[in-house]
Protein backbone atom coordinates (compact mmCIF):
# COMPACT_ATOMS: atom_id res chain seq x y z
CA MET A 1 0.05 -0.13 -0.02
CA LYS A 2 0.95 3.57 -0.77
CA LEU A 3 0.73 5.91 2.18
CA LEU A 4 1.39 9.52 2.36
CA ALA A 5 1.70 11.76 5.84
CA ILE A 6 2.11 15.23 7.24
CA THR A 7 3.82 15.94 10.79
CA SER A 8 3.82 19.19 12.28
CA CYS A 9 4.06 20.62 16.04
CA PRO A 10 3.85 24.42 16.97
CA ASN A 11 7.39 24.79 17.53
CA GLY A 12 8.33 22.82 14.37
CA ILE A 13 11.58 21.36 16.03
CA ALA A 14 11.59 18.06 17.43
CA HIS A 15 8.12 16.38 17.39
CA THR A 16 7.21 17.49 13.68
CA TYR A 17 10.64 14.89 12.73
CA MET A 18 9.94 12.31 15.60
CA ALA A 19 6.57 11.66 14.31
CA ALA A 20 7.81 11.43 10.86
CA GLU A 21 10.47 9.14 11.54
CA ASN A 22 8.19 6.85 13.74
CA LEU A 23 5.67 6.91 10.81
CA GLN A 24 7.94 5.74 8.05
CA LYS A 25 9.73 3.23 10.55
CA ALA A 26 6.06 1.70 11.44
CA ALA A 27 5.21 1.86 7.73
CA GLU A 28 8.31 0.00 6.59
CA LYS A 29 7.66 -2.79 9.56
CA LEU A 30 4.07 -3.36 8.21
CA GLY A 31 5.34 -3.87 4.81
CA HIS A 32 4.00 -0.36 3.39
CA GLN A 33 5.41 2.68 1.32
CA MET A 34 5.29 5.94 2.94
CA LYS A 35 6.38 9.38 2.29
CA VAL A 36 6.17 11.74 5.05
CA GLU A 37 5.99 15.72 4.36
CA THR A 38 7.30 17.54 7.30
CA GLN A 39 6.02 21.25 7.92
CA GLY A 40 8.68 22.38 10.44
CA SER A 41 10.19 25.53 11.81
CA ILE A 42 12.13 25.75 8.29
CA GLY A 43 9.09 25.46 6.30
CA ILE A 44 7.90 22.54 4.21
CA GLU A 45 10.46 19.64 3.48
CA ASN A 46 9.79 16.66 1.46
CA GLU A 47 6.38 18.03 0.01
CA LEU A 48 3.84 15.87 -1.64
CA THR A 49 3.45 15.81 -5.17
CA ALA A 50 -0.12 15.92 -6.90
CA GLN A 51 0.68 12.39 -8.43
CA GLU A 52 1.81 10.69 -5.12
CA ILE A 53 -1.20 12.09 -3.59
CA GLN A 54 -3.33 10.78 -6.70
CA GLU A 55 -1.87 7.26 -6.11
CA ALA A 56 -2.25 7.07 -2.14
CA ASP A 57 -4.42 4.73 -0.83
CA GLY A 58 -4.49 6.67 2.53
CA ILE A 59 -3.20 9.88 4.14
CA ILE A 60 -2.28 10.57 7.56
CA ILE A 61 -1.98 14.00 9.36
CA ALA A 62 -0.39 14.08 12.52
CA ALA A 63 -0.22 17.64 13.75
CA ASP A 64 -1.17 20.31 16.27
CA LYS A 65 -1.37 23.26 14.30
CA SER A 66 -3.67 23.98 11.18
CA VAL A 67 -2.82 22.18 7.97
CA ASP A 68 -4.20 22.95 4.39
CA LYS A 69 -6.42 19.92 3.61
CA SER A 70 -7.72 21.07 0.33
CA ARG A 71 -5.16 18.81 -1.77
CA PHE A 72 -6.78 15.65 -0.50
CA VAL A 73 -10.31 15.83 -1.62
CA GLY A 74 -11.46 12.35 -2.57
CA LYS A 75 -8.70 10.65 -0.43
CA LYS A 76 -9.16 8.65 2.88
CA LEU A 77 -7.72 11.21 5.56
CA LEU A 78 -7.00 10.89 8.97
CA VAL A 79 -6.43 13.79 11.27
CA THR A 80 -4.84 13.34 14.61
CA GLY A 81 -2.22 14.93 17.00
CA VAL A 82 1.47 15.18 16.37
CA GLN A 83 1.80 12.76 19.85
CA ASP A 84 -0.39 10.00 18.22
CA GLY A 85 2.61 10.00 15.33
CA ILE A 86 5.21 9.57 18.03
CA ARG A 87 3.70 7.18 20.33
CA LYS A 88 1.20 4.77 18.12
CA PRO A 89 2.16 5.26 14.40
CA GLU A 90 1.40 1.50 13.65
CA GLU A 91 -2.24 1.79 15.01
CA LEU A 92 -2.65 5.03 12.97
CA ILE A 93 -1.64 3.01 9.68
CA GLU A 94 -3.79 0.06 10.38
CA TYR A 95 -6.55 2.54 11.19
CA VAL A 96 -6.08 4.42 7.80
CA LEU A 97 -6.17 1.37 5.84
CA SER A 98 -9.06 -0.15 8.10
CA GLY A 99 -12.05 1.45 5.54
CA ASP A 100 -13.31 3.16 8.69
CA VAL A 101 -11.65 6.71 7.85
CA PRO A 102 -13.78 8.99 5.77
CA VAL A 103 -12.90 10.08 2.51
CA HIS A 104 -12.22 14.14 2.77
CA GLN A 105 -14.89 16.34 1.18
CA GLU A 106 -14.25 19.56 -0.15
CA ASP A 107 -17.95 21.27 0.71
CA LEU A 108 -20.62 20.09 3.13
CA LYS A 109 -20.14 17.11 5.31
CA SER A 110 -22.68 14.67 6.83
CA VAL A 111 -23.21 14.81 10.47
CA ALA A 112 -21.12 11.83 10.79
CA GLU A 113 -18.10 13.00 9.15
CA TYR A 114 -18.37 16.56 10.92
CA LYS A 115 -18.44 14.62 14.20
CA GLN A 116 -15.42 12.51 13.49
CA GLU A 117 -13.49 15.59 12.25
CA MET A 118 -14.52 17.14 15.50
CA LYS A 119 -12.92 14.28 17.20
CA ASP A 120 -9.77 14.18 15.37
CA LYS A 121 -9.25 17.56 16.15
CA GLN A 122 -8.98 16.94 19.83
CA ASN A 123 -9.63 20.38 21.33
CA PRO A 124 -9.49 23.25 18.15
CA ILE A 125 -9.21 25.96 20.58
CA TYR A 126 -5.73 24.51 21.66
CA ARG A 127 -4.74 23.99 17.83
CA HIS A 128 -5.53 27.70 16.97
CA LEU A 129 -3.77 28.88 20.00
CA MET A 130 -0.82 26.83 18.99
CA ASN A 131 -0.64 28.09 15.53
CA GLY A 132 -0.66 31.74 16.50
CA VAL A 133 1.97 30.60 19.14
CA SER A 134 4.05 29.08 16.68
CA TYR A 135 4.77 32.06 14.36
CA MET A 136 4.91 34.70 17.37
CA ILE A 137 8.02 32.72 19.09
CA PRO A 138 10.79 33.54 16.16
CA PHE A 139 9.77 37.13 16.70
CA VAL A 140 10.07 36.90 20.53
CA VAL A 141 13.50 34.89 20.27
CA VAL A 142 15.19 37.30 17.90
CA GLY A 143 13.96 40.34 20.01
CA GLY A 144 15.09 38.71 23.14
CA ILE A 145 18.53 37.79 21.76
CA LEU A 146 19.25 41.17 20.12
CA ILE A 147 18.19 43.09 23.59
CA ALA A 148 20.25 40.97 25.61
CA LEU A 149 23.18 41.26 23.26
CA ALA A 150 22.86 45.09 23.52
CA LEU A 151 22.59 45.24 27.05
CA GLY A 152 25.43 42.59 27.85
CA LEU A 153 28.13 44.03 25.58
CA GLY A 154 27.00 47.74 25.07
CA GLY A 155 25.03 48.23 28.21
CA HIS A 156 26.53 50.12 31.63
CA PRO A 157 24.66 49.57 34.98
CA THR A 158 22.86 52.62 36.50
CA ALA A 159 20.48 53.26 39.33
CA LYS A 160 17.74 52.58 37.02
CA GLY A 161 19.20 49.23 35.56
CA MET A 162 21.42 48.52 32.43
CA GLN A 163 21.59 51.66 30.07
CA VAL A 164 22.90 51.77 26.62
CA ASP A 165 24.59 54.75 25.36
CA PRO A 166 21.83 56.42 22.77
CA ASN A 167 24.70 57.31 19.98
CA SER A 168 26.09 53.66 20.01
CA ILE A 169 25.60 51.00 17.57
CA TRP A 170 24.10 48.93 20.29
CA ASN A 171 21.27 51.41 20.96
CA SER A 172 20.28 50.90 17.35
CA ILE A 173 20.47 46.87 17.79
CA LEU A 174 18.48 47.47 21.29
CA ASN A 175 15.90 49.18 19.23
CA VAL A 176 15.80 46.55 16.46
CA GLY A 177 15.06 44.04 19.15
CA ALA A 178 12.30 46.10 20.84
CA ALA A 179 10.81 46.49 17.19
CA SER A 180 10.84 42.66 17.05
CA PHE A 181 8.82 42.23 20.38
CA GLY A 182 6.41 44.80 19.35
CA PHE A 183 5.21 42.51 16.53
CA MET A 184 4.76 39.56 19.17
CA VAL A 185 1.08 40.34 20.04
CA PRO A 186 -0.23 41.39 16.57
CA ILE A 187 1.61 38.26 14.77
CA LEU A 188 -0.18 35.81 17.90
CA ALA A 189 -3.83 37.28 17.34
CA GLY A 190 -3.26 37.17 13.21
CA PHE A 191 -2.24 33.77 12.95
CA ILE A 192 -4.84 32.62 15.61
CA ALA A 193 -7.20 34.15 13.31
CA MET A 194 -5.97 32.72 9.99
CA SER A 195 -5.96 29.32 12.01
CA ILE A 196 -9.75 29.61 12.09
CA ALA A 197 -10.97 31.49 9.31
CA ASP A 198 -8.03 30.98 7.04
CA ARG A 199 -6.65 34.19 4.92
CA PRO A 200 -9.51 36.19 5.49
CA GLY A 201 -8.94 36.22 9.24
CA LEU A 202 -5.37 37.51 9.07
CA VAL A 203 -5.70 41.06 8.94
CA PRO A 204 -8.45 41.85 11.24
CA GLY A 205 -6.36 39.63 13.73
CA MET A 206 -3.08 41.35 13.20
CA VAL A 207 -5.27 44.84 13.55
CA GLY A 208 -7.09 43.32 16.60
CA GLY A 209 -3.84 42.65 18.21
CA TRP A 210 -1.93 45.66 17.44
CA ILE A 211 -4.87 47.52 19.22
CA ALA A 212 -5.17 45.01 21.75
CA ALA A 213 -1.09 45.61 22.61
CA HIS A 214 -1.36 49.95 22.60
CA GLY A 215 -3.48 51.10 25.21
CA GLU A 216 -3.69 54.65 23.77
CA PHE A 217 -6.55 53.04 21.17
CA TYR A 218 -8.97 52.75 24.33
CA HIS A 219 -7.38 55.59 26.72
CA SER A 220 -5.37 53.13 28.64
CA THR A 221 -1.83 53.70 30.19
CA ALA A 222 -1.11 50.02 29.35
CA GLY A 223 -2.01 47.76 26.66
CA ALA A 224 -3.90 44.50 27.10
CA GLY A 225 -0.77 42.04 26.31
CA PHE A 226 -0.84 38.78 25.14
CA LEU A 227 -3.83 38.34 26.94
CA GLY A 228 -5.55 40.67 24.65
CA GLY A 229 -3.89 39.25 21.68
CA ILE A 230 -5.37 36.00 22.34
CA ILE A 231 -8.78 37.62 22.82
CA ALA A 232 -8.36 39.84 19.51
CA GLY A 233 -7.47 36.55 17.60
CA PHE A 234 -10.27 34.38 18.39
CA LEU A 235 -12.73 37.27 18.10
CA ALA A 236 -11.48 37.98 14.59
CA GLY A 237 -11.18 34.59 13.58
CA TYR A 238 -14.49 33.44 14.51
CA LEU A 239 -16.01 36.81 13.25
CA ALA A 240 -14.29 36.14 9.75
CA LYS A 241 -15.33 32.52 9.61
CA TRP A 242 -19.26 33.74 10.34
CA ILE A 243 -19.25 36.29 7.74
CA LYS A 244 -17.80 33.77 5.30
CA THR A 245 -21.01 31.80 5.85
CA TRP A 246 -22.97 34.91 4.57
CA LYS A 247 -25.18 34.40 1.40
CA VAL A 248 -23.98 36.91 -1.27
CA PRO A 249 -24.56 37.61 -4.83
CA LYS A 250 -21.91 35.49 -7.14
CA MET A 251 -20.92 39.28 -8.45
CA VAL A 252 -19.78 39.93 -4.75
CA GLN A 253 -18.22 36.32 -4.09
CA PRO A 254 -14.34 37.45 -5.47
CA ILE A 255 -14.22 40.21 -3.36
CA MET A 256 -15.30 38.81 -0.30
CA PRO A 257 -11.85 37.45 1.09
CA ILE A 258 -9.78 40.13 0.08
CA LEU A 259 -12.27 43.10 0.89
CA ILE A 260 -15.68 42.89 2.54
CA ILE A 261 -14.50 40.43 5.00
CA PRO A 262 -11.28 41.65 6.27
CA ILE A 263 -13.04 45.34 6.42
CA LEU A 264 -16.20 44.12 8.07
CA ALA A 265 -14.36 41.84 10.71
CA THR A 266 -11.49 44.30 11.21
CA THR A 267 -14.01 47.51 11.94
CA VAL A 268 -15.95 45.09 14.39
CA VAL A 269 -12.97 43.86 16.15
CA ALA A 270 -11.29 47.21 16.60
CA ALA A 271 -14.68 48.77 17.84
CA ILE A 272 -15.26 46.19 20.47
CA PHE A 273 -11.89 46.24 21.92
CA ILE A 274 -11.94 50.52 21.74
CA PHE A 275 -15.36 51.03 23.16
CA ILE A 276 -15.97 47.97 25.24
CA ILE A 277 -13.28 45.19 26.48
CA GLY A 278 -10.16 47.23 25.67
CA GLN A 279 -9.97 48.99 29.17
CA PRO A 280 -11.01 45.78 31.65
CA VAL A 281 -8.82 43.25 29.69
CA ALA A 282 -5.59 45.79 29.99
CA ALA A 283 -6.43 46.05 33.56
CA VAL A 284 -6.79 42.18 34.25
CA PHE A 285 -3.54 41.62 32.41
CA THR A 286 -1.90 44.71 34.38
CA GLY A 287 -2.93 43.19 37.65
CA LEU A 288 -1.66 39.95 36.53
CA THR A 289 1.62 41.43 35.66
CA ASN A 290 1.81 43.22 38.79
CA PHE A 291 0.76 40.12 40.99
CA LEU A 292 3.75 37.95 39.28
CA ASN A 293 6.31 40.77 39.76
CA GLY A 294 5.69 41.31 43.35
CA MET A 295 5.70 37.43 44.22
CA GLN A 296 8.15 36.60 46.79
CA GLY A 297 8.96 33.87 49.27
CA ALA A 298 6.51 30.92 49.19
CA SER A 299 4.12 32.03 46.31
CA SER A 300 6.83 32.31 44.03
CA ILE A 301 8.35 28.90 45.04
CA LEU A 302 4.77 27.36 44.34
CA LEU A 303 4.76 28.96 41.01
CA ALA A 304 7.91 27.62 40.03
CA LEU A 305 6.97 24.24 41.40
CA ILE A 306 3.73 24.34 39.25
CA LEU A 307 5.76 25.41 36.20
CA GLY A 308 8.48 22.89 36.56
CA ALA A 309 5.66 20.12 36.79
CA MET A 310 3.94 21.39 33.77
CA ILE A 311 7.27 21.37 31.50
CA ALA A 312 8.45 17.85 32.36
CA PHE A 313 4.60 16.17 32.51
CA ASP A 314 4.29 15.70 28.85
CA MET A 315 7.44 16.85 27.37
CA GLY A 316 6.50 19.37 24.73
CA GLY A 317 2.79 18.46 24.58
CA PRO A 318 -0.11 20.59 25.71
CA VAL A 319 0.60 20.98 29.37
CA ASN A 320 4.07 21.86 28.55
CA LYS A 321 3.06 24.09 25.96
CA VAL A 322 0.76 26.43 28.37
CA ALA A 323 3.44 26.79 30.95
CA PHE A 324 5.96 28.07 27.93
CA LEU A 325 3.38 30.46 26.30
CA PHE A 326 2.77 31.73 30.00
CA GLY A 327 6.60 32.22 30.23
CA SER A 328 6.96 34.00 26.70
CA ALA A 329 4.15 36.19 27.46
CA MET A 330 5.90 37.36 30.69
CA ILE A 331 9.12 37.98 28.54
CA ALA A 332 7.17 40.55 26.60
CA SER A 333 5.85 42.29 29.88
CA GLY A 334 9.55 42.98 31.33
CA ASN A 335 9.20 39.65 33.75
CA TYR A 336 12.39 37.42 32.79
CA THR A 337 12.23 35.64 36.25
CA ILE A 338 9.37 33.64 35.22
CA MET A 339 10.79 32.44 31.98
CA GLY A 340 14.31 31.43 33.83
CA PRO A 341 12.79 28.65 35.94
CA ILE A 342 10.85 27.28 32.91
CA ALA A 343 14.22 27.80 30.72
CA ALA A 344 16.13 25.39 33.39
CA ALA A 345 13.07 22.80 33.77
CA ILE A 346 13.01 22.36 29.80
CA CYS A 347 16.34 20.71 29.46
CA ILE A 348 16.29 18.60 32.91
CA PRO A 349 14.10 15.82 31.50
CA PRO A 350 16.49 14.80 28.38
CA ILE A 351 19.80 15.72 29.78
CA GLY A 352 18.57 13.84 33.16
CA MET A 353 17.56 10.64 31.31
CA GLY A 354 20.68 10.66 29.32
CA LEU A 355 22.83 10.78 32.42
CA ALA A 356 20.54 8.22 34.01
CA THR A 357 21.63 5.72 31.27
CA LEU A 358 25.33 6.68 31.75
CA LEU A 359 25.50 6.31 35.41
CA ASN A 360 23.71 2.73 35.35
CA LYS A 361 24.06 1.02 32.34
CA LYS A 362 22.62 -2.19 33.52
CA LYS A 363 19.04 -0.61 34.14
CA TYR A 364 18.85 0.18 30.17
CA GLU A 365 18.98 -1.82 26.79
CA GLU A 366 21.62 -1.17 24.35
CA ALA A 367 18.82 0.96 22.11
CA GLU A 368 18.16 2.97 25.38
CA ARG A 369 21.69 3.88 25.80
CA GLU A 370 21.93 5.29 22.67
CA ALA A 371 18.84 7.19 22.95
CA GLY A 372 20.28 8.78 25.97
CA LYS A 373 22.98 9.99 24.41
CA ALA A 374 20.72 11.60 21.76
CA ALA A 375 18.47 13.07 24.80
CA PHE A 376 21.69 14.61 26.54
CA PHE A 377 22.65 16.36 23.60
CA MET A 378 19.01 17.55 22.76
CA GLY A 379 18.59 18.73 26.11
CA LEU A 380 21.54 21.17 25.82
CA PHE A 381 19.75 22.84 23.16
CA GLY A 382 16.50 22.86 25.32
CA ILE A 383 14.57 19.83 23.23
CA THR A 384 12.50 18.39 26.16
CA GLU A 385 11.23 15.91 23.62
CA GLY A 386 14.36 13.91 23.79
CA ALA A 387 13.05 12.45 26.89
CA ILE A 388 9.82 10.89 25.30
CA PRO A 389 11.19 7.51 24.01
CA PHE A 390 11.83 6.63 28.03
CA ALA A 391 8.77 8.01 29.16
CA ALA A 392 6.76 6.12 26.37
CA LYS A 393 8.58 2.86 27.29
CA ASP A 394 8.41 3.34 31.15
CA PRO A 395 5.86 6.31 31.95
CA ILE A 396 5.12 5.12 35.46
CA ARG A 397 8.87 5.53 36.44
CA VAL A 398 10.07 7.91 33.99
CA ILE A 399 7.33 10.64 34.27
CA PRO A 400 7.56 11.16 37.92
CA SER A 401 11.40 11.27 37.83
CA ILE A 402 11.62 13.79 35.23
CA MET A 403 8.72 15.97 36.98
CA VAL A 404 10.61 16.11 40.51
CA GLY A 405 13.78 16.97 38.74
CA SER A 406 12.34 19.95 36.78
CA MET A 407 10.63 21.10 39.61
CA VAL A 408 13.62 21.54 42.23
CA GLY A 409 15.56 22.57 39.24
CA ALA A 410 12.79 25.41 38.81
CA VAL A 411 12.48 26.04 42.53
CA ILE A 412 16.30 26.79 42.66
CA ALA A 413 16.08 28.97 39.46
CA MET A 414 13.27 31.09 40.76
CA ILE A 415 15.38 31.51 44.42
CA GLY A 416 18.39 32.54 42.24
CA HIS A 417 16.20 35.32 40.52
CA VAL A 418 17.36 33.46 37.25
CA GLY A 419 16.08 35.36 34.21
CA ASP A 420 15.65 34.26 30.80
CA HIS A 421 15.26 37.05 27.86
CA VAL A 422 14.43 34.29 25.15
CA PRO A 423 11.55 32.06 25.15
CA HIS A 424 13.74 28.73 24.81
CA GLY A 425 15.96 26.63 27.62
CA GLY A 426 18.81 24.68 27.74
CA LEU A 427 22.67 25.59 28.29
CA ILE A 428 22.29 27.19 24.26
CA VAL A 429 20.26 30.43 25.79
CA ALA A 430 23.13 30.56 28.30
CA ALA A 431 25.75 30.68 25.76
CA LEU A 432 23.90 33.49 24.03
CA GLY A 433 24.01 35.76 26.63
CA ALA A 434 20.31 35.62 27.17
CA ILE A 435 20.47 34.34 30.95
CA ASP A 436 20.71 36.59 34.19
CA HIS A 437 22.49 34.83 36.99
CA VAL A 438 24.07 32.13 35.06
CA VAL A 439 25.51 30.50 37.98
CA MET A 440 22.39 29.98 39.38
CA PHE A 441 20.77 28.61 36.24
CA ILE A 442 23.71 26.39 35.72
CA LEU A 443 23.11 25.13 39.45
CA ALA A 444 19.45 24.59 38.81
CA ILE A 445 20.02 22.32 35.99
CA ILE A 446 22.66 20.20 37.60
CA VAL A 447 20.67 19.67 40.86
CA GLY A 448 17.71 18.81 38.52
CA ILE A 449 19.36 16.53 36.34
CA PHE A 450 20.83 14.51 39.13
CA ILE A 451 17.83 14.29 41.15
CA THR A 452 15.82 12.93 37.70
CA ALA A 453 18.81 10.43 36.96
CA PHE A 454 19.25 8.96 40.58
CA MET A 455 15.50 8.91 41.08
CA VAL A 456 14.73 6.93 37.69
CA ASN A 457 17.84 4.52 38.36
CA ALA A 458 16.51 3.78 42.03
CA LEU A 459 12.91 2.81 40.66
CA LYS A 460 13.99 0.96 37.72
CA LYS A 461 15.22 -2.46 37.71
CA ASN A 462 18.13 -3.72 35.85
CA VAL A 463 17.38 -5.11 32.44
CA GLU A 464 17.27 -9.10 32.20
């Protein structure tokens, strides 16, 4: 049988390629041909051709972000999450060939097909949100690194903190970084809306996000931040999607997506933010930011424990992404000490499991020891997913071990006032100069990985 697949995850770094590899291995094991198109952070690779789609016996989309399905009309199409592509590829292949998978239709769907599609999507709200996050992250990364470089190499301490000479090249770099940060909320909102309503949602989403981020539109001293961006994105997306359902004369149809829908949706979203919800949302976001900035003692430790547990729990999955989004949003608000503990927790599971395989080889099979080397390396670059093979094989022992290690590491980072100017983790961000209090950051990681390694080895039995 000839099978095709598409894999994609919000960040487009690890899950995308792990799912692709596992699907290809499973297809080979079951005696089928499979080609996998990956839609990762560097774009589309191994793109499926029209002829390949025509000849395919079945198609699998394992993705946690929106994927264009229009080219698969008339083909058996299974849509699921990227985690399923990693953890149960054989089941997906067997299911798509079983005859129970519906043929993808272009227009109206039956009630049964619609229910199946909703089930396959597994929470569209999360999917739309992660689509926006995946486009937002590069802007925050670029802005954070440029600002960190400008302050680290060209700044000097003052009573108001690090300052850069306004006439130096470093000030220009600082301004470019700040400009990149300025795109964060509009990009988040725009691509949430585009995920919901396709291209007609992009303009109202981005404009709504820009209005949300700038309080002067609704007479507020502060903007509504990422919270306002999320609201604007969903509001614009569903509004544009609703307008798309209107029955209009044929002569008007060609200009609906490029003129009518964007103008109407943009105007309505702008009016809602300016006259109704702008100030209340901004007040909520400001209150949240002030509360987090003022957290001390036990409350900050509790927050670190929660964030560390969330990061390690599903290693790049939905729970992990919620904590990650929270930390990223706080960076844009000028609070770097939320992302600091998250950055430490991110790399502890893979490095900890890699260390565990080195400390006690009797507990692991040869394949696991090789996976441990890869996990250790992935952890250095902040890729939590390196621990997934271990958790998938032995979740009862591995998941609690990596959660405890990440929680302890996050607490140490919080106590040490570790800050991270970039929404990423691992030692790579320290090497780029994006970490405040580097010594405490490294200490947090070291303690966390040793706790993970010792705990998992204590729980595991020797391989027979």
